[in-house]
Protein backbone atom coordinates (compact mmCIF):
# COMPACT_ATOMS: atom_id res chain seq x y z
CA MET A 1 0.00 0.00 0.00
CA GLU A 2 1.61 3.20 -1.17
CA ILE A 3 0.64 6.84 -0.86
CA ARG A 4 1.61 9.49 -3.39
CA VAL A 5 3.41 12.45 -1.81
CA SER A 6 4.56 14.39 -4.90
CA ASP A 7 2.22 17.35 -4.22
CA VAL A 8 2.78 17.47 -0.46
CA LYS A 9 6.57 17.54 -0.64
CA LYS A 10 6.60 20.59 -2.94
CA TRP A 11 5.79 23.20 -0.26
CA ALA A 12 6.37 23.41 3.46
CA GLY A 13 3.11 23.57 5.35
CA ARG A 14 1.20 21.63 2.73
CA GLU A 15 -1.08 18.86 3.96
CA GLU A 16 -3.11 16.11 2.28
CA THR A 17 -5.72 13.76 3.67
CA LEU A 18 -6.53 10.39 2.10
CA HIS A 19 -8.95 7.56 2.78
CA ILE A 20 -7.67 4.11 1.81
CA GLU A 21 -9.60 0.85 1.71
CA SER A 22 -7.23 -2.00 1.01
CA GLN A 23 -7.63 -5.75 0.54
CA ASP A 24 -3.85 -6.18 0.20
CA LEU A 25 -3.03 -7.32 3.73
CA GLU A 26 -0.31 -9.87 3.03
CA ASP A 27 2.37 -8.24 5.22
CA ALA A 28 -0.03 -7.78 8.12
CA GLN A 29 -1.41 -11.32 7.77
CA GLN A 30 2.10 -12.75 8.16
CA ARG A 31 2.35 -11.09 11.60
CA LEU A 32 -1.05 -12.27 12.89
CA ASP A 33 -2.49 -15.66 13.76
CA PHE A 34 -6.03 -14.47 12.99
CA PRO A 35 -7.54 -14.31 9.47
CA PHE A 36 -8.77 -10.93 8.23
CA LEU A 37 -12.52 -10.61 7.66
CA SER A 38 -12.73 -7.11 6.23
CA PRO A 39 -10.66 -4.76 4.15
CA LEU A 40 -8.33 -2.45 6.00
CA LEU A 41 -9.79 1.05 6.41
CA LEU A 42 -7.19 3.76 6.78
CA ASP A 43 -7.41 7.54 7.12
CA VAL A 44 -4.05 9.09 6.28
CA LYS A 45 -2.82 12.64 6.81
CA VAL A 46 0.51 13.66 5.26
CA ARG A 47 2.04 16.98 6.34
CA ASN A 48 5.18 18.69 5.05
CA THR A 49 6.98 20.47 7.90
CA GLY A 50 9.73 21.80 5.66
CA HIS A 51 12.29 19.28 6.95
CA GLU A 52 10.32 16.03 6.75
CA LEU A 53 6.96 14.52 5.95
CA LEU A 54 4.82 13.54 8.93
CA VAL A 55 2.41 10.69 8.26
CA GLU A 56 -0.49 10.15 10.66
CA CYS A 57 -2.82 7.20 10.14
CA GLN A 58 -5.86 5.91 11.94
CA GLY A 59 -7.36 2.66 10.83
CA THR A 60 -9.41 -0.39 11.65
CA VAL A 61 -9.57 -3.97 10.48
CA LYS A 62 -11.76 -6.91 11.51
CA VAL A 63 -10.26 -10.32 12.24
CA GLN A 64 -11.55 -13.76 13.24
CA ALA A 65 -10.15 -14.12 16.78
CA ILE A 66 -10.39 -16.85 19.41
CA CYS A 67 -11.66 -15.87 22.87
CA SER A 68 -8.99 -16.50 25.51
CA ARG A 69 -11.64 -17.43 28.09
CA CYS A 70 -14.15 -19.67 26.26
CA LEU A 71 -12.08 -20.57 23.17
CA GLU A 72 -14.95 -19.66 20.82
CA PRO A 73 -14.28 -17.76 17.58
CA PHE A 74 -15.57 -14.18 17.36
CA VAL A 75 -15.14 -11.06 15.25
CA LEU A 76 -12.62 -8.62 16.72
CA GLU A 77 -12.32 -5.08 15.38
CA ILE A 78 -8.77 -3.80 15.79
CA PRO A 79 -8.27 -0.03 15.81
CA PHE A 80 -4.71 1.20 15.32
CA GLU A 81 -2.73 4.40 14.86
CA ILE A 82 0.52 5.29 13.13
CA PHE A 83 2.63 8.43 13.63
CA GLU A 84 5.81 8.35 11.58
CA GLU A 85 8.35 10.78 10.18
CA PHE A 86 9.84 10.40 6.68
CA HIS A 87 12.96 12.05 5.26
CA GLU A 88 13.69 12.12 1.56
CA GLU A 89 17.13 10.55 1.42
CA ALA A 90 18.76 7.48 -0.10
CA GLY A 91 19.34 4.26 1.77
CA PRO A 92 17.38 1.68 3.69
CA ASP A 93 15.63 2.46 6.96
CA ASP A 94 17.97 2.45 9.92
CA PRO A 95 16.46 1.18 13.20
CA ILE A 96 18.72 3.54 15.15
CA LEU A 97 17.19 6.61 13.50
CA ASP A 98 13.84 8.02 14.61
CA TYR A 99 12.59 8.36 11.04
CA HIS A 100 12.06 6.43 7.81
CA ARG A 101 13.73 7.13 4.48
CA PHE A 102 12.09 7.42 1.08
CA LEU A 103 12.96 8.51 -2.43
CA GLY A 104 10.62 9.57 -5.18
CA ASP A 105 6.95 10.41 -5.03
CA LYS A 106 5.59 7.45 -3.07
CA ILE A 107 5.81 6.18 0.49
CA SER A 108 5.08 2.54 1.27
CA LEU A 109 2.93 1.95 4.36
CA ASP A 110 2.81 -1.86 4.19
CA LEU A 111 5.26 -2.67 6.98
CA LEU A 112 4.11 0.23 9.17
CA VAL A 113 0.50 -0.91 8.94
CA ALA A 114 1.48 -4.53 9.56
CA ASP A 115 3.42 -3.58 12.69
CA ALA A 116 0.68 -1.27 13.97
CA VAL A 117 -2.01 -3.91 13.55
CA ALA A 118 0.15 -6.60 15.15
CA VAL A 119 0.87 -4.56 18.30
CA SER A 120 -2.75 -3.41 18.58
CA VAL A 121 -4.16 -6.92 18.98
CA PRO A 122 -5.01 -7.54 22.65
CA MET A 123 -2.78 -10.12 24.37
CA ALA A 124 -5.82 -12.06 25.56
CA PRO A 125 -8.81 -11.17 23.36
CA VAL A 126 -12.23 -11.90 24.85
CA CYS A 127 -15.54 -12.24 23.03
CA SER A 128 -17.29 -10.03 25.61
CA ALA A 129 -16.46 -8.43 28.94
CA ASP A 130 -18.88 -10.77 30.72
CA CYS A 131 -17.57 -13.99 29.14
CA ARG A 132 -17.68 -16.69 31.81
CA GLY A 133 -15.08 -18.90 30.16
CA LEU A 134 -14.68 -22.65 30.63
CA CYS A 135 -15.30 -24.75 33.73
CA SER A 136 -11.94 -25.60 35.30
CA GLN A 137 -13.19 -29.09 36.18
CA CYS A 138 -15.07 -30.41 33.12
CA GLY A 139 -14.20 -27.86 30.42
CA ALA A 140 -17.82 -26.90 29.65
CA ASN A 141 -18.43 -23.49 28.08
CA LEU A 142 -20.14 -21.63 30.93
CA ASN A 143 -21.62 -19.10 28.49
CA LEU A 144 -23.74 -21.84 26.91
CA TYR A 145 -24.90 -23.74 29.99
CA PRO A 146 -23.99 -24.05 33.68
CA CYS A 147 -22.24 -27.18 34.86
CA ASP A 148 -22.77 -29.06 38.12
CA CYS A 149 -19.13 -29.30 39.06
CA THR A 150 -18.13 -28.30 42.55
CA THR A 151 -14.98 -26.43 43.31
CA PRO A 152 -12.66 -28.61 45.39
CA ALA A 153 -11.72 -27.28 48.81
CA ASP A 154 -8.34 -25.62 49.01
CA ASP A 155 -6.48 -27.62 51.67
CA ARG A 156 -3.67 -25.08 51.88
CA TRP A 157 -5.79 -23.01 54.27
CA GLY A 158 -6.48 -25.99 56.58
CA PRO A 159 -3.73 -25.28 59.15
CA LEU A 160 -4.77 -21.65 59.42
CA LYS A 161 -8.40 -22.62 59.93
CA GLU A 162 -7.40 -25.13 62.67
CA TRP A 163 -5.30 -22.49 64.39
CA ALA A 164 -8.17 -19.98 64.30
CA GLU A 165 -10.59 -22.57 65.72
CA SER A 166 -8.17 -23.50 68.52
CA ARG A 167 -8.09 -19.96 69.93
CA PRO A 168 -10.91 -19.69 72.49
CA GLY A 169 -12.78 -16.41 72.76
CA GLN A 170 -11.59 -15.08 69.43
CA ARG A 171 -13.92 -14.02 66.67
CA GLN A 172 -14.44 -16.76 64.12
CA ASP A 173 -15.96 -16.18 60.70
CA LYS A 174 -18.08 -18.97 59.37
CA ASP A 175 -17.61 -20.36 55.86
């Protein structure tokens, strides 16, 4: 995905806004485990500051994710933002520098978009905030139906409970 910057780079202070809808998501798909369900929607603003081109992007894409609680597939909309600086100079991008290099009248956004989408995916996506997940005993999806499993008693607290019960006259909370 490339944006044309030939008009913007002519004058300092010039700014252009673009709306991009792209199906070409190969670079981003390589960084994600989830398949894309929609085209990438991207609003791009390119501004010439006189020394560099500032590129600001806001976008969204929908993916088929797996809930980390109930393990059911669901549609996850991923919003992302990009704020990058470009200098017109020869050579490949240098990770030590705080800017990207470009030559000519086009800037490629493929790797920037791929990285922005990849880091915007939640570490543990959930299908809904009130997802109940799976039963720790039988593995049943608690969103679909309740199970009759009982939670086993935690024996690690046994000695503390015995100590509390052995102290006469002290307040004792009942289970």
